[in-house]
PDB file of all heavy atoms in Angstrom:
ATOM      1  N   ASP A   1     -63.723  52.460 -66.173  1.00  0.00           N
ATOM      2  CA  ASP A   1     -62.350  51.974 -66.234  1.00  0.00           C
ATOM      3  C   ASP A   1     -61.372  53.074 -65.819  1.00  0.00           C
ATOM      4  O   ASP A   1     -61.759  54.187 -65.527  1.00  0.00           O
ATOM      5  CB  ASP A   1     -62.011  51.525 -67.668  1.00  0.00           C
ATOM      6  CG  ASP A   1     -62.607  50.168 -67.985  1.00  0.00           C
ATOM      7  OD1 ASP A   1     -62.884  49.403 -67.059  1.00  0.00           O
ATOM      8  OD2 ASP A   1     -62.783  49.888 -69.182  1.00  0.00           O
ATOM      9  N   TYR A   2     -60.115  52.712 -65.867  1.00  0.00           N
ATOM     10  CA  TYR A   2     -59.006  53.631 -65.616  1.00  0.00           C
ATOM     11  C   TYR A   2     -58.890  54.016 -64.139  1.00  0.00           C
ATOM     12  O   TYR A   2     -58.566  55.141 -63.806  1.00  0.00           O
ATOM     13  CB  TYR A   2     -59.072  54.865 -66.520  1.00  0.00           C
ATOM     14  CG  TYR A   2     -59.318  54.510 -67.967  1.00  0.00           C
ATOM     15  CD1 TYR A   2     -60.524  54.814 -68.577  1.00  0.00           C
ATOM     16  CD2 TYR A   2     -58.365  53.805 -68.685  1.00  0.00           C
ATOM     17  CE1 TYR A   2     -60.756  54.450 -69.895  1.00  0.00           C
ATOM     18  CE2 TYR A   2     -58.589  53.435 -70.004  1.00  0.00           C
ATOM     19  CZ  TYR A   2     -59.797  53.760 -70.605  1.00  0.00           C
ATOM     20  OH  TYR A   2     -60.034  53.392 -71.896  1.00  0.00           O
ATOM     21  N   ASP A   3     -59.192  53.050 -63.273  1.00  0.00           N
ATOM     22  CA  ASP A   3     -58.891  53.166 -61.852  1.00  0.00           C
ATOM     23  C   ASP A   3     -59.738  54.182 -61.098  1.00  0.00           C
ATOM     24  O   ASP A   3     -59.328  54.701 -60.066  1.00  0.00           O
ATOM     25  CB  ASP A   3     -57.392  53.438 -61.649  1.00  0.00           C
ATOM     26  CG  ASP A   3     -56.551  52.449 -62.435  1.00  0.00           C
ATOM     27  OD1 ASP A   3     -56.679  51.250 -62.169  1.00  0.00           O
ATOM     28  OD2 ASP A   3     -55.820  52.887 -63.341  1.00  0.00           O
ATOM     29  N   SER A   4     -60.933  54.433 -61.576  1.00  0.00           N
ATOM     30  CA  SER A   4     -61.837  55.352 -60.867  1.00  0.00           C
ATOM     31  C   SER A   4     -62.108  54.931 -59.426  1.00  0.00           C
ATOM     32  O   SER A   4     -62.092  55.781 -58.533  1.00  0.00           O
ATOM     33  CB  SER A   4     -63.155  55.504 -61.628  1.00  0.00           C
ATOM     34  OG  SER A   4     -62.933  56.163 -62.842  1.00  0.00           O
ATOM     35  N   PRO A   5     -62.348  53.634 -59.131  1.00  0.00           N
ATOM     36  CA  PRO A   5     -62.589  53.271 -57.726  1.00  0.00           C
ATOM     37  C   PRO A   5     -61.388  53.563 -56.824  1.00  0.00           C
ATOM     38  O   PRO A   5     -61.555  54.016 -55.693  1.00  0.00           O
ATOM     39  CB  PRO A   5     -62.866  51.763 -57.766  1.00  0.00           C
ATOM     40  CG  PRO A   5     -63.143  51.438 -59.175  1.00  0.00           C
ATOM     41  CD  PRO A   5     -62.488  52.488 -60.011  1.00  0.00           C
ATOM     42  N   PHE A   6     -60.190  53.321 -57.327  1.00  0.00           N
ATOM     43  CA  PHE A   6     -58.988  53.549 -56.525  1.00  0.00           C
ATOM     44  C   PHE A   6     -58.814  55.035 -56.206  1.00  0.00           C
ATOM     45  O   PHE A   6     -58.551  55.416 -55.074  1.00  0.00           O
ATOM     46  CB  PHE A   6     -57.761  52.996 -57.242  1.00  0.00           C
ATOM     47  CG  PHE A   6     -56.525  53.021 -56.388  1.00  0.00           C
ATOM     48  CD1 PHE A   6     -56.314  52.045 -55.430  1.00  0.00           C
ATOM     49  CD2 PHE A   6     -55.585  54.025 -56.523  1.00  0.00           C
ATOM     50  CE1 PHE A   6     -55.181  52.058 -54.625  1.00  0.00           C
ATOM     51  CE2 PHE A   6     -54.456  54.059 -55.729  1.00  0.00           C
ATOM     52  CZ  PHE A   6     -54.251  53.071 -54.773  1.00  0.00           C
ATOM     53  N   VAL A   7     -58.999  55.889 -57.220  1.00  0.00           N
ATOM     54  CA  VAL A   7     -58.840  57.328 -57.004  1.00  0.00           C
ATOM     55  C   VAL A   7     -59.980  57.856 -56.128  1.00  0.00           C
ATOM     56  O   VAL A   7     -59.757  58.688 -55.250  1.00  0.00           O
ATOM     57  CB  VAL A   7     -58.753  58.095 -58.342  1.00  0.00           C
ATOM     58  CG1 VAL A   7     -58.625  59.591 -58.094  1.00  0.00           C
ATOM     59  CG2 VAL A   7     -57.580  57.592 -59.179  1.00  0.00           C
ATOM     60  N   PHE A   8     -61.202  57.357 -56.354  1.00  0.00           N
ATOM     61  CA  PHE A   8     -62.319  57.763 -55.506  1.00  0.00           C
ATOM     62  C   PHE A   8     -62.007  57.480 -54.042  1.00  0.00           C
ATOM     63  O   PHE A   8     -62.196  58.336 -53.175  1.00  0.00           O
ATOM     64  CB  PHE A   8     -63.607  57.047 -55.918  1.00  0.00           C
ATOM     65  CG  PHE A   8     -64.783  57.414 -55.062  1.00  0.00           C
ATOM     66  CD1 PHE A   8     -65.572  58.503 -55.383  1.00  0.00           C
ATOM     67  CD2 PHE A   8     -65.092  56.685 -53.929  1.00  0.00           C
ATOM     68  CE1 PHE A   8     -66.649  58.862 -54.588  1.00  0.00           C
ATOM     69  CE2 PHE A   8     -66.170  57.036 -53.130  1.00  0.00           C
ATOM     70  CZ  PHE A   8     -66.948  58.126 -53.451  1.00  0.00           C
ATOM     71  N   ALA A   9     -61.516  56.289 -53.759  1.00  0.00           N
ATOM     72  CA  ALA A   9     -61.182  55.932 -52.377  1.00  0.00           C
ATOM     73  C   ALA A   9     -60.052  56.806 -51.839  1.00  0.00           C
ATOM     74  O   ALA A   9     -60.060  57.189 -50.664  1.00  0.00           O
ATOM     75  CB  ALA A   9     -60.806  54.462 -52.280  1.00  0.00           C
ATOM     76  N   ALA A  10     -59.084  57.163 -52.681  1.00  0.00           N
ATOM     77  CA  ALA A  10     -57.957  57.985 -52.236  1.00  0.00           C
ATOM     78  C   ALA A  10     -58.412  59.327 -51.681  1.00  0.00           C
ATOM     79  O   ALA A  10     -57.786  59.872 -50.776  1.00  0.00           O
ATOM     80  CB  ALA A  10     -56.965  58.197 -53.371  1.00  0.00           C
ATOM     81  N   VAL A  11     -59.516  59.850 -52.212  1.00  0.00           N
ATOM     82  CA  VAL A  11     -59.980  61.174 -51.784  1.00  0.00           C
ATOM     83  C   VAL A  11     -61.267  61.136 -50.966  1.00  0.00           C
ATOM     84  O   VAL A  11     -61.667  62.155 -50.402  1.00  0.00           O
ATOM     85  CB  VAL A  11     -60.175  62.124 -52.993  1.00  0.00           C
ATOM     86  CG1 VAL A  11     -58.879  62.300 -53.748  1.00  0.00           C
ATOM     87  CG2 VAL A  11     -61.277  61.649 -53.909  1.00  0.00           C
ATOM     88  N   ASN A  12     -61.933  59.973 -50.883  1.00  0.00           N
ATOM     89  CA  ASN A  12     -63.280  59.986 -50.313  1.00  0.00           C
ATOM     90  C   ASN A  12     -63.657  58.742 -49.512  1.00  0.00           C
ATOM     91  O   ASN A  12     -64.824  58.561 -49.190  1.00  0.00           O
ATOM     92  CB  ASN A  12     -64.293  60.184 -51.441  1.00  0.00           C
ATOM     93  CG  ASN A  12     -65.518  60.930 -50.989  1.00  0.00           C
ATOM     94  OD1 ASN A  12     -65.542  61.523 -49.924  1.00  0.00           O
ATOM     95  ND2 ASN A  12     -66.533  60.891 -51.796  1.00  0.00           N
ATOM     96  N   ALA A  13     -62.725  57.877 -49.206  1.00  0.00           N
ATOM     97  CA  ALA A  13     -63.066  56.652 -48.461  1.00  0.00           C
ATOM     98  C   ALA A  13     -63.454  56.982 -47.025  1.00  0.00           C
ATOM     99  O   ALA A  13     -63.009  57.966 -46.449  1.00  0.00           O
ATOM    100  CB  ALA A  13     -61.877  55.691 -48.458  1.00  0.00           C
ATOM    101  N   ASP A  14     -64.285  56.133 -46.451  1.00  0.00           N
ATOM    102  CA  ASP A  14     -64.557  56.198 -45.021  1.00  0.00           C
ATOM    103  C   ASP A  14     -63.483  55.394 -44.294  1.00  0.00           C
ATOM    104  O   ASP A  14     -63.049  54.357 -44.792  1.00  0.00           O
ATOM    105  CB  ASP A  14     -65.915  55.574 -44.686  1.00  0.00           C
ATOM    106  CG  ASP A  14     -67.081  56.478 -45.033  1.00  0.00           C
ATOM    107  OD1 ASP A  14     -66.857  57.628 -45.444  1.00  0.00           O
ATOM    108  OD2 ASP A  14     -68.230  56.010 -44.895  1.00  0.00           O
ATOM    109  N   CYS A  15     -63.081  55.855 -43.126  1.00  0.00           N
ATOM    110  CA  CYS A  15     -62.189  55.080 -42.263  1.00  0.00           C
ATOM    111  C   CYS A  15     -63.075  54.361 -41.248  1.00  0.00           C
ATOM    112  O   CYS A  15     -63.723  55.011 -40.423  1.00  0.00           O
ATOM    113  CB  CYS A  15     -61.194  55.990 -41.557  1.00  0.00           C
ATOM    114  SG  CYS A  15     -60.002  56.724 -42.674  1.00  0.00           S
ATOM    115  N   VAL A  16     -63.115  53.046 -41.335  1.00  0.00           N
ATOM    116  CA  VAL A  16     -64.041  52.244 -40.543  1.00  0.00           C
ATOM    117  C   VAL A  16     -63.261  51.363 -39.570  1.00  0.00           C
ATOM    118  O   VAL A  16     -62.307  50.692 -39.961  1.00  0.00           O
ATOM    119  CB  VAL A  16     -64.925  51.367 -41.453  1.00  0.00           C
ATOM    120  CG1 VAL A  16     -65.900  50.540 -40.628  1.00  0.00           C
ATOM    121  CG2 VAL A  16     -65.671  52.221 -42.475  1.00  0.00           C
ATOM    122  N   THR A  17     -63.685  51.377 -38.306  1.00  0.00           N
ATOM    123  CA  THR A  17     -63.095  50.510 -37.294  1.00  0.00           C
ATOM    124  C   THR A  17     -64.099  49.417 -36.960  1.00  0.00           C
ATOM    125  O   THR A  17     -65.276  49.688 -36.739  1.00  0.00           O
ATOM    126  CB  THR A  17     -62.733  51.296 -36.023  1.00  0.00           C
ATOM    127  OG1 THR A  17     -61.842  52.363 -36.389  1.00  0.00           O
ATOM    128  CG2 THR A  17     -62.061  50.398 -34.994  1.00  0.00           C
ATOM    129  N   TRP A  18     -63.598  48.174 -36.949  1.00  0.00           N
ATOM    130  CA  TRP A  18     -64.415  47.000 -36.674  1.00  0.00           C
ATOM    131  C   TRP A  18     -63.873  46.255 -35.453  1.00  0.00           C
ATOM    132  O   TRP A  18     -62.669  46.159 -35.297  1.00  0.00           O
ATOM    133  CB  TRP A  18     -64.351  46.015 -37.845  1.00  0.00           C
ATOM    134  CG  TRP A  18     -64.782  46.541 -39.176  1.00  0.00           C
ATOM    135  CD1 TRP A  18     -64.017  47.225 -40.072  1.00  0.00           C
ATOM    136  CD2 TRP A  18     -66.065  46.413 -39.761  1.00  0.00           C
ATOM    137  NE1 TRP A  18     -64.738  47.525 -41.197  1.00  0.00           N
ATOM    138  CE2 TRP A  18     -66.015  47.032 -41.028  1.00  0.00           C
ATOM    139  CE3 TRP A  18     -67.270  45.820 -39.339  1.00  0.00           C
ATOM    140  CZ2 TRP A  18     -67.111  47.086 -41.878  1.00  0.00           C
ATOM    141  CZ3 TRP A  18     -68.357  45.876 -40.200  1.00  0.00           C
ATOM    142  CH2 TRP A  18     -68.279  46.507 -41.446  1.00  0.00           C
ATOM    143  N   ILE A  19     -64.774  45.726 -34.626  1.00  0.00           N
ATOM    144  CA  ILE A  19     -64.376  44.750 -33.617  1.00  0.00           C
ATOM    145  C   ILE A  19     -64.594  43.388 -34.251  1.00  0.00           C
ATOM    146  O   ILE A  19     -65.668  43.097 -34.778  1.00  0.00           O
ATOM    147  CB  ILE A  19     -65.228  44.839 -32.332  1.00  0.00           C
ATOM    148  CG1 ILE A  19     -64.889  46.101 -31.554  1.00  0.00           C
ATOM    149  CG2 ILE A  19     -64.977  43.622 -31.437  1.00  0.00           C
ATOM    150  CD1 ILE A  19     -65.670  46.244 -30.264  1.00  0.00           C
ATOM    151  N   ARG A  20     -63.566  42.573 -34.193  1.00  0.00           N
ATOM    152  CA  ARG A  20     -63.679  41.217 -34.738  1.00  0.00           C
ATOM    153  C   ARG A  20     -63.829  40.252 -33.571  1.00  0.00           C
ATOM    154  O   ARG A  20     -62.921  40.084 -32.768  1.00  0.00           O
ATOM    155  CB  ARG A  20     -62.456  40.863 -35.566  1.00  0.00           C
ATOM    156  CG  ARG A  20     -62.586  39.521 -36.232  1.00  0.00           C
ATOM    157  CD  ARG A  20     -61.481  39.349 -37.247  1.00  0.00           C
ATOM    158  NE  ARG A  20     -61.654  38.128 -37.991  1.00  0.00           N
ATOM    159  CZ  ARG A  20     -60.713  37.233 -38.168  1.00  0.00           C
ATOM    160  NH1 ARG A  20     -59.513  37.429 -37.663  1.00  0.00           N
ATOM    161  NH2 ARG A  20     -60.946  36.158 -38.874  1.00  0.00           N
ATOM    162  N   TYR A  21     -65.001  39.636 -33.508  1.00  0.00           N
ATOM    163  CA  TYR A  21     -65.288  38.684 -32.433  1.00  0.00           C
ATOM    164  C   TYR A  21     -64.825  37.279 -32.804  1.00  0.00           C
ATOM    165  O   TYR A  21     -64.373  36.525 -31.958  1.00  0.00           O
ATOM    166  CB  TYR A  21     -66.792  38.660 -32.134  1.00  0.00           C
ATOM    167  CG  TYR A  21     -67.316  39.975 -31.619  1.00  0.00           C
ATOM    168  CD1 TYR A  21     -68.073  40.811 -32.434  1.00  0.00           C
ATOM    169  CD2 TYR A  21     -67.043  40.400 -30.327  1.00  0.00           C
ATOM    170  CE1 TYR A  21     -68.559  42.017 -31.969  1.00  0.00           C
ATOM    171  CE2 TYR A  21     -67.521  41.617 -29.847  1.00  0.00           C
ATOM    172  CZ  TYR A  21     -68.277  42.422 -30.685  1.00  0.00           C
ATOM    173  OH  TYR A  21     -68.751  43.623 -30.219  1.00  0.00           O
ATOM    174  N   SER A  22     -64.963  36.942 -34.075  1.00  0.00           N
ATOM    175  CA  SER A  22     -64.536  35.635 -34.575  1.00  0.00           C
ATOM    176  C   SER A  22     -64.321  35.771 -36.078  1.00  0.00           C
ATOM    177  O   SER A  22     -64.549  36.837 -36.648  1.00  0.00           O
ATOM    178  CB  SER A  22     -65.600  34.567 -34.279  1.00  0.00           C
ATOM    179  OG  SER A  22     -66.765  34.828 -35.044  1.00  0.00           O
ATOM    180  N   LYS A  23     -63.912  34.696 -36.725  1.00  0.00           N
ATOM    181  CA  LYS A  23     -63.697  34.745 -38.178  1.00  0.00           C
ATOM    182  C   LYS A  23     -64.977  35.089 -38.929  1.00  0.00           C
ATOM    183  O   LYS A  23     -64.929  35.660 -40.009  1.00  0.00           O
ATOM    184  CB  LYS A  23     -63.133  33.420 -38.683  1.00  0.00           C
ATOM    185  CG  LYS A  23     -61.700  33.208 -38.295  1.00  0.00           C
ATOM    186  CD  LYS A  23     -61.153  31.943 -38.899  1.00  0.00           C
ATOM    187  CE  LYS A  23     -59.696  31.756 -38.496  1.00  0.00           C
ATOM    188  NZ  LYS A  23     -59.105  30.568 -39.079  1.00  0.00           N
ATOM    189  N   LYS A  24     -66.118  34.741 -38.351  1.00  0.00           N
ATOM    190  CA  LYS A  24     -67.389  34.973 -39.027  1.00  0.00           C
ATOM    191  C   LYS A  24     -68.168  36.168 -38.490  1.00  0.00           C
ATOM    192  O   LYS A  24     -69.148  36.576 -39.088  1.00  0.00           O
ATOM    193  CB  LYS A  24     -68.265  33.722 -38.928  1.00  0.00           C
ATOM    194  CG  LYS A  24     -67.702  32.542 -39.684  1.00  0.00           C
ATOM    195  CD  LYS A  24     -68.642  31.365 -39.626  1.00  0.00           C
ATOM    196  CE  LYS A  24     -68.052  30.192 -40.391  1.00  0.00           C
ATOM    197  NZ  LYS A  24     -68.927  29.036 -40.371  1.00  0.00           N
ATOM    198  N   ARG A  25     -67.753  36.733 -37.381  1.00  0.00           N
ATOM    199  CA  ARG A  25     -68.527  37.805 -36.760  1.00  0.00           C
ATOM    200  C   ARG A  25     -67.660  39.024 -36.482  1.00  0.00           C
ATOM    201  O   ARG A  25     -66.643  38.942 -35.794  1.00  0.00           O
ATOM    202  CB  ARG A  25     -69.166  37.311 -35.458  1.00  0.00           C
ATOM    203  CG  ARG A  25     -70.093  38.322 -34.852  1.00  0.00           C
ATOM    204  CD  ARG A  25     -70.926  37.711 -33.723  1.00  0.00           C
ATOM    205  NE  ARG A  25     -71.624  38.784 -33.052  1.00  0.00           N
ATOM    206  CZ  ARG A  25     -71.367  39.200 -31.825  1.00  0.00           C
ATOM    207  NH1 ARG A  25     -70.453  38.591 -31.100  1.00  0.00           N
ATOM    208  NH2 ARG A  25     -72.037  40.199 -31.300  1.00  0.00           N
ATOM    209  N   LYS A  26     -68.130  40.155 -37.022  1.00  0.00           N
ATOM    210  CA  LYS A  26     -67.474  41.431 -36.763  1.00  0.00           C
ATOM    211  C   LYS A  26     -68.566  42.492 -36.618  1.00  0.00           C
ATOM    212  O   LYS A  26     -69.698  42.311 -37.078  1.00  0.00           O
ATOM    213  CB  LYS A  26     -66.505  41.800 -37.880  1.00  0.00           C
ATOM    214  CG  LYS A  26     -67.165  42.052 -39.226  1.00  0.00           C
ATOM    215  CD  LYS A  26     -66.147  42.354 -40.292  1.00  0.00           C
ATOM    216  CE  LYS A  26     -66.867  42.607 -41.628  1.00  0.00           C
ATOM    217  NZ  LYS A  26     -65.952  42.869 -42.705  1.00  0.00           N
ATOM    218  N   GLU A  27     -68.210  43.593 -35.977  1.00  0.00           N
ATOM    219  CA  GLU A  27     -69.172  44.669 -35.751  1.00  0.00           C
ATOM    220  C   GLU A  27     -68.507  46.006 -36.039  1.00  0.00           C
ATOM    221  O   GLU A  27     -67.410  46.287 -35.555  1.00  0.00           O
ATOM    222  CB  GLU A  27     -69.665  44.629 -34.305  1.00  0.00           C
ATOM    223  CG  GLU A  27     -70.641  45.734 -33.976  1.00  0.00           C
ATOM    224  CD  GLU A  27     -71.043  45.722 -32.503  1.00  0.00           C
ATOM    225  OE1 GLU A  27     -70.636  44.803 -31.760  1.00  0.00           O
ATOM    226  OE2 GLU A  27     -71.740  46.662 -32.092  1.00  0.00           O
ATOM    227  N   ARG A  28     -69.181  46.808 -36.826  1.00  0.00           N
ATOM    228  CA  ARG A  28     -68.700  48.156 -37.140  1.00  0.00           C
ATOM    229  C   ARG A  28     -68.940  49.024 -35.906  1.00  0.00           C
ATOM    230  O   ARG A  28     -70.072  49.171 -35.455  1.00  0.00           O
ATOM    231  CB  ARG A  28     -69.475  48.692 -38.331  1.00  0.00           C
ATOM    232  CG  ARG A  28     -69.072  50.040 -38.797  1.00  0.00           C
ATOM    233  CD  ARG A  28     -70.001  50.480 -39.914  1.00  0.00           C
ATOM    234  NE  ARG A  28     -69.372  51.510 -40.681  1.00  0.00           N
ATOM    235  CZ  ARG A  28     -69.487  51.672 -41.978  1.00  0.00           C
ATOM    236  NH1 ARG A  28     -70.218  50.841 -42.681  1.00  0.00           N
ATOM    237  NH2 ARG A  28     -68.889  52.652 -42.589  1.00  0.00           N
ATOM    238  N   ILE A  29     -67.857  49.624 -35.372  1.00  0.00           N
ATOM    239  CA  ILE A  29     -68.024  50.424 -34.162  1.00  0.00           C
ATOM    240  C   ILE A  29     -67.758  51.914 -34.375  1.00  0.00           C
ATOM    241  O   ILE A  29     -68.143  52.733 -33.550  1.00  0.00           O
ATOM    242  CB  ILE A  29     -67.133  49.906 -33.005  1.00  0.00           C
ATOM    243  CG1 ILE A  29     -65.662  49.946 -33.394  1.00  0.00           C
ATOM    244  CG2 ILE A  29     -67.575  48.533 -32.572  1.00  0.00           C
ATOM    245  CD1 ILE A  29     -64.727  49.778 -32.225  1.00  0.00           C
ATOM    246  N   TYR A  30     -67.086  52.257 -35.479  1.00  0.00           N
ATOM    247  CA  TYR A  30     -66.779  53.664 -35.717  1.00  0.00           C
ATOM    248  C   TYR A  30     -66.541  53.884 -37.198  1.00  0.00           C
ATOM    249  O   TYR A  30     -65.964  53.040 -37.874  1.00  0.00           O
ATOM    250  CB  TYR A  30     -65.533  54.075 -34.921  1.00  0.00           C
ATOM    251  CG  TYR A  30     -65.148  55.520 -35.113  1.00  0.00           C
ATOM    252  CD1 TYR A  30     -65.874  56.543 -34.531  1.00  0.00           C
ATOM    253  CD2 TYR A  30     -64.054  55.859 -35.897  1.00  0.00           C
ATOM    254  CE1 TYR A  30     -65.539  57.882 -34.712  1.00  0.00           C
ATOM    255  CE2 TYR A  30     -63.695  57.188 -36.092  1.00  0.00           C
ATOM    256  CZ  TYR A  30     -64.441  58.187 -35.495  1.00  0.00           C
ATOM    257  OH  TYR A  30     -64.103  59.495 -35.690  1.00  0.00           O
ATOM    258  N   SER A  31     -66.988  55.044 -37.678  1.00  0.00           N
ATOM    259  CA  SER A  31     -66.749  55.403 -39.068  1.00  0.00           C
ATOM    260  C   SER A  31     -66.475  56.903 -39.154  1.00  0.00           C
ATOM    261  O   SER A  31     -67.295  57.713 -38.734  1.00  0.00           O
ATOM    262  CB  SER A  31     -67.970  55.040 -39.915  1.00  0.00           C
ATOM    263  OG  SER A  31     -67.738  55.347 -41.267  1.00  0.00           O
ATOM    264  N   ASP A  32     -65.305  57.253 -39.677  1.00  0.00           N
ATOM    265  CA  ASP A  32     -64.939  58.651 -39.874  1.00  0.00           C
ATOM    266  C   ASP A  32     -65.112  58.963 -41.358  1.00  0.00           C
ATOM    267  O   ASP A  32     -64.368  58.458 -42.198  1.00  0.00           O
ATOM    268  CB  ASP A  32     -63.489  58.884 -39.435  1.00  0.00           C
ATOM    269  CG  ASP A  32     -63.088  60.345 -39.477  1.00  0.00           C
ATOM    270  OD1 ASP A  32     -63.759  61.140 -40.169  1.00  0.00           O
ATOM    271  OD2 ASP A  32     -62.096  60.696 -38.818  1.00  0.00           O
TER     272      ASP A  32
END
């Protein structure tokens, strides 16, 4: 509890870029 996921993401999230082909199909193309 106490917002651990939010703080974890603030300091450690991946930045992910996706190509969206349709509402049901997307592809991860880059992750920093």
